[in-house]
Structures are given as structure tokens and as C-alpha cells.
Amino acid sequence: MKILILDQLGCYAAVAAASYLVGIIDEKPTVMEIYNLPCFAAHHDLQVGRIYYIGKDSKGDDYYSLGVGKEEQLMIRSVQDFLNIIGSQGSVRIIGVSLYNPFILSILTYFVLCYPLRNISKRASACILKMRFAELIKKLKTELKIEFTDPTRDMA
């Protein structure tokens, strides 16, 4: 199955969410773990529509992040309708996580365009996302209807 996670630019909450589901980061990542994620804050312009491949989970599902600007709900409806028409609704899951990007992200993204401020903006975004990460995980669990367990508990 392909799982497409959407946010405004496709490289903030969407990358963190997909990275969690793939197993790159755990439920309580540090700011630096988020900051160092492949594709995190990877945009160098404000163009939406970029898609990033994040990886494959243990079940073989592929995870992607996509930047959709302010049109998250429109994109979700359109893709779901298209998949229903072609009869492939079970092959792709779509999850919108723009809500978990900080409001200040819209301001910080302009700093990313200015090279000297890029790291400050990226770090600030990682800090704010870390604070909201538990909420993001709860959304993922609800959307995917998956119960996440700690594998170390099963070994005891």
C-alpha cells in the first residue's frame, strides 16, 4: 500500500509523521532527531506539489510526503474520488497533517529562503513540531487504525 501524508510544503509534519511510521524516529524524538530527518525543511522555494519518498515500513507499505499548500482538504477529496473512480481506493491512504505544523511556520518558511537564516528557521520548526508530536502520533493512530506497541515489552 502507498501512504501519502500531506502538509503545506510536504517537508515538515508530513516528513516527521512518515518517518515515525517507517521507524526512523520513535514516539519521543529529540529536536535534533527531527531536525536531521531526511527531507525535513528540504524546500528551497515556496512551491507546493513536491513529493518526497520517506521509506518503507516493516509491512512493506511505502510512505510519501506531499506539499499541498492550503488545499489539503481539496487534495484529499480529489484523490479519494479519483481512486474510487478507477477502483483503486484500497491501494493508497491519504492523511492530512497540516494542522500539526505551527502557525509560525508560514513566517519561518520565508526565512528558509534566506540562506543565513535557514538553520534557525529549521531548528525552530523542529522545536515546535517536537512539542506537538504526541498529538500528531494520536492522529496517525486514529487515521490508520493501528495499535502501536512497544516491541521491547513483548520480550519481557
Foldseek 3Di string as FASTA:
>chain_A
DEEEEEAAAQAALLLVLVCCQQPQADLQDDLVSRLPQVRHLVDLDRDFFDKAWRQAHPVGYTYMTGRDHPCLVVVQVVVCVVCVVVVNNPVYHYHYDNVLFDPCLVVLNVLCNPPVSVSVSSSVRSVSSSVCSNVSVVSVCVRVVDDDDDVVVVVD
